[in-house]
């Protein structure tokens, strides 16, 4: 990810129409239109529906802030129209949560950057104007095959958290767990709570 005052850019991988598509997206704030301008790498053009759906979830664009504010009443007075940030990938955000336990954000970012460098995939078309957007986050299938000791050595991730990441990856890769919108909450929580860490 690369974030500045007016924009957000990141790499993304989606499986769509029987193929894996990797690339980058760049979202720019357009305040005069109350909108977000989204630019995608050409490699994502054949996967527009899932990429746009993920961008909508990431920025909470399907939210109706006026309805939320009405229900929150006085609680929303100081921040009307506030949206809840989301994620483009459930596995990635779960790994981020594991990596970020009991350490600073800066430490977690370094660990995740090392994980991406060691186990992610290089983009065929890196983002020209955004240094750092050249690798995708590792997939669950990739991390499911990594020995936790190797993951810990590659990243600096604490050994118990490396086990948690690998077991999470194995559960997702094996189909026992899906971290995506609209999956049933109770069984998902039960499966997550059964994993180590």
Protein backbone atom coordinates (compact mmCIF):
# COMPACT_ATOMS: atom_id res chain seq x y z
CA UNK A 1 0.00 0.00 0.00
CA UNK A 2 0.99 3.60 -0.56
CA UNK A 3 -1.03 6.33 1.15
CA UNK A 4 -0.75 10.10 0.96
CA UNK A 5 -3.03 13.00 1.85
CA UNK A 6 -5.28 12.62 -1.20
CA UNK A 7 -4.86 9.09 -2.51
CA UNK A 8 -4.47 5.42 -1.75
CA UNK A 9 -2.78 2.82 -3.94
CA UNK A 10 -2.21 -0.88 -3.50
CA UNK A 11 -1.60 -4.14 -5.29
CA UNK A 12 -4.42 -6.62 -5.65
CA UNK A 13 -4.96 -10.22 -6.76
CA UNK A 14 -8.37 -11.60 -7.76
CA UNK A 15 -9.49 -14.91 -9.19
CA UNK A 16 -12.13 -14.32 -11.83
CA UNK A 17 -13.48 -16.17 -14.88
CA UNK A 18 -11.09 -19.06 -14.33
CA UNK A 19 -7.94 -16.93 -14.20
CA UNK A 20 -5.82 -15.12 -11.61
CA UNK A 21 -5.47 -11.39 -12.22
CA UNK A 22 -2.84 -9.29 -10.46
CA UNK A 23 -2.22 -5.59 -10.67
CA UNK A 24 -2.65 -2.33 -8.83
CA UNK A 25 -5.40 0.13 -8.09
CA UNK A 26 -5.02 3.81 -7.33
CA UNK A 27 -7.87 5.69 -5.66
CA UNK A 28 -7.82 9.48 -5.57
CA UNK A 29 -10.13 11.72 -3.58
CA UNK A 30 -12.27 14.05 -5.71
CA UNK A 31 -13.80 16.25 -2.99
CA UNK A 32 -15.62 18.67 -5.31
CA UNK A 33 -17.66 15.70 -6.60
CA UNK A 34 -17.81 13.79 -3.30
CA UNK A 35 -16.28 10.88 -5.17
CA UNK A 36 -13.28 8.62 -5.56
CA UNK A 37 -11.50 8.38 -8.91
CA UNK A 38 -10.19 4.86 -9.42
CA UNK A 39 -7.40 3.95 -11.83
CA UNK A 40 -6.50 0.29 -12.46
CA UNK A 41 -3.54 -1.36 -14.11
CA UNK A 42 -4.33 -2.80 -17.54
CA UNK A 43 -3.77 -6.29 -16.13
CA UNK A 44 -7.02 -5.95 -14.12
CA UNK A 45 -9.29 -4.88 -16.98
CA UNK A 46 -10.63 -8.41 -17.50
CA UNK A 47 -11.48 -8.66 -13.79
CA UNK A 48 -13.34 -5.37 -13.34
CA UNK A 49 -16.44 -6.71 -11.49
CA UNK A 50 -14.60 -8.26 -8.52
CA UNK A 51 -12.00 -5.47 -8.41
CA UNK A 52 -14.70 -2.80 -8.27
CA UNK A 53 -16.60 -4.80 -5.65
CA UNK A 54 -13.48 -4.97 -3.50
CA UNK A 55 -12.86 -1.24 -3.92
CA UNK A 56 -16.46 -0.56 -2.84
CA UNK A 57 -15.91 -2.67 0.30
CA UNK A 58 -12.53 -1.07 0.98
CA UNK A 59 -14.00 2.45 1.02
CA UNK A 60 -17.45 1.45 2.39
CA UNK A 61 -19.08 2.98 -0.68
CA UNK A 62 -22.34 1.07 -0.31
CA UNK A 63 -22.94 2.68 3.08
CA UNK A 64 -25.72 5.22 3.47
CA UNK A 65 -24.14 7.61 5.99
CA UNK A 66 -27.38 9.59 6.32
CA UNK A 67 -29.21 6.45 7.47
CA UNK A 68 -26.38 5.47 9.83
CA UNK A 69 -26.26 9.00 11.26
CA UNK A 70 -30.02 8.95 11.85
CA UNK A 71 -29.73 5.71 13.81
CA UNK A 72 -26.71 6.88 15.80
CA UNK A 73 -28.33 10.19 16.69
CA UNK A 74 -26.16 12.34 18.94
CA UNK A 75 -23.27 9.86 18.66
CA UNK A 76 -22.79 10.96 15.04
CA UNK A 77 -22.93 14.71 15.68
CA UNK A 78 -19.15 15.19 15.75
CA UNK A 79 -18.43 13.02 12.69
CA UNK A 80 -21.44 12.95 10.34
CA UNK A 81 -21.01 10.82 7.23
CA UNK A 82 -18.20 8.74 8.71
CA UNK A 83 -17.55 5.49 6.85
CA UNK A 84 -15.95 2.33 8.21
CA UNK A 85 -12.76 1.36 6.33
CA UNK A 86 -12.80 -2.12 4.91
CA UNK A 87 -10.39 -4.49 3.23
CA UNK A 88 -9.90 -5.91 -0.24
CA UNK A 89 -8.99 -9.40 1.00
CA UNK A 90 -10.13 -11.24 4.11
CA UNK A 91 -7.02 -13.41 4.32
CA UNK A 92 -4.70 -10.41 4.10
CA UNK A 93 -6.53 -8.46 6.81
CA UNK A 94 -6.55 -11.53 9.09
CA UNK A 95 -2.78 -11.95 8.63
CA UNK A 96 -2.35 -8.25 9.38
CA UNK A 97 -4.32 -8.70 12.60
CA UNK A 98 -2.13 -11.63 13.66
CA UNK A 99 1.11 -9.84 12.74
CA UNK A 100 0.06 -6.68 14.55
CA UNK A 101 -0.71 -8.25 17.93
CA UNK A 102 1.09 -6.54 20.81
CA UNK A 103 3.60 -4.68 18.62
CA UNK A 104 3.73 -1.22 17.12
CA UNK A 105 2.21 -0.41 13.75
CA UNK A 106 5.71 0.32 12.39
CA UNK A 107 6.97 -3.12 13.48
CA UNK A 108 3.93 -4.84 11.98
CA UNK A 109 4.40 -2.99 8.67
CA UNK A 110 8.05 -4.11 8.51
CA UNK A 111 7.07 -7.73 9.18
CA UNK A 112 4.32 -7.62 6.52
CA UNK A 113 6.69 -5.99 4.02
CA UNK A 114 9.25 -8.76 4.60
CA UNK A 115 6.49 -11.37 4.23
CA UNK A 116 5.43 -9.84 0.92
CA UNK A 117 9.02 -9.61 -0.32
CA UNK A 118 9.77 -13.23 0.61
CA UNK A 119 6.50 -14.90 -0.42
CA UNK A 120 4.53 -12.48 -2.62
CA UNK A 121 4.51 -12.32 -6.40
CA UNK A 122 6.06 -9.61 -8.55
CA UNK A 123 3.67 -7.58 -10.69
CA UNK A 124 4.14 -7.77 -14.44
CA UNK A 125 3.20 -4.06 -14.62
CA UNK A 126 4.38 -2.17 -11.52
CA UNK A 127 2.81 1.22 -10.84
CA UNK A 128 5.15 3.77 -12.44
CA UNK A 129 4.34 6.69 -10.17
CA UNK A 130 4.08 4.79 -6.89
CA UNK A 131 7.31 3.20 -5.64
CA UNK A 132 6.58 0.16 -3.54
CA UNK A 133 3.73 -1.19 -5.66
CA UNK A 134 5.61 -4.01 -7.31
CA UNK A 135 4.61 -7.10 -5.27
CA UNK A 136 1.31 -8.67 -4.29
CA UNK A 137 0.55 -9.92 -0.79
CA UNK A 138 1.19 -13.69 -0.54
CA UNK A 139 -1.82 -15.91 -1.15
CA UNK A 140 -3.21 -18.38 1.36
CA UNK A 141 -2.11 -21.20 -0.97
CA UNK A 142 1.47 -19.93 -0.88
CA UNK A 143 1.67 -19.42 2.89
CA UNK A 144 -0.05 -22.76 3.54
CA UNK A 145 3.06 -24.43 2.10
CA UNK A 146 5.57 -22.47 4.20
CA UNK A 147 7.07 -23.98 7.35
CA UNK A 148 6.24 -21.69 10.30
CA UNK A 149 9.93 -21.60 11.33
CA UNK A 150 10.86 -20.41 7.85
CA UNK A 151 8.12 -17.76 7.95
CA UNK A 152 9.38 -16.57 11.32
CA UNK A 153 12.98 -16.43 10.08
CA UNK A 154 11.98 -14.66 6.83
CA UNK A 155 9.88 -12.00 8.51
CA UNK A 156 10.80 -11.58 12.16
CA UNK A 157 7.30 -12.71 13.11
CA UNK A 158 7.14 -14.32 16.56
CA UNK A 159 7.14 -18.15 16.28
CA UNK A 160 3.62 -18.60 17.73
CA UNK A 161 2.23 -15.98 15.34
CA UNK A 162 3.97 -17.63 12.39
CA UNK A 163 2.18 -20.87 13.33
CA UNK A 164 -1.11 -18.95 13.49
CA UNK A 165 -0.55 -17.42 10.02
CA UNK A 166 0.32 -20.77 8.45
CA UNK A 167 -2.65 -22.54 10.09
CA UNK A 168 -4.97 -19.74 8.96
CA UNK A 169 -3.59 -20.08 5.42
CA UNK A 170 -4.10 -23.86 5.50
CA UNK A 171 -7.71 -23.48 6.68
CA UNK A 172 -8.47 -21.04 3.85
CA UNK A 173 -6.54 -23.00 1.23
CA UNK A 174 -8.22 -26.22 2.32
CA UNK A 175 -11.71 -24.70 2.12
CA UNK A 176 -12.55 -24.99 5.82
CA UNK A 177 -12.64 -21.20 6.17
CA UNK A 178 -13.82 -18.35 3.94
CA UNK A 179 -13.13 -14.77 4.95
CA UNK A 180 -15.33 -12.90 2.54
CA UNK A 181 -18.58 -10.95 2.65
CA UNK A 182 -21.85 -12.70 3.45
CA UNK A 183 -20.40 -15.93 4.86
CA UNK A 184 -22.28 -17.11 7.97
CA UNK A 185 -20.81 -15.41 11.03
CA UNK A 186 -21.16 -18.09 13.75
CA UNK A 187 -19.37 -20.93 11.90
CA UNK A 188 -16.69 -18.52 10.68
CA UNK A 189 -15.99 -17.34 14.23
CA UNK A 190 -15.95 -20.92 15.50
CA UNK A 191 -13.43 -21.95 12.86
CA UNK A 192 -11.24 -18.91 13.58
CA UNK A 193 -11.37 -19.53 17.33
CA UNK A 194 -10.31 -23.15 16.81
CA UNK A 195 -7.09 -22.08 15.09
CA UNK A 196 -3.95 -21.60 17.18
CA UNK A 197 -3.21 -17.99 18.15
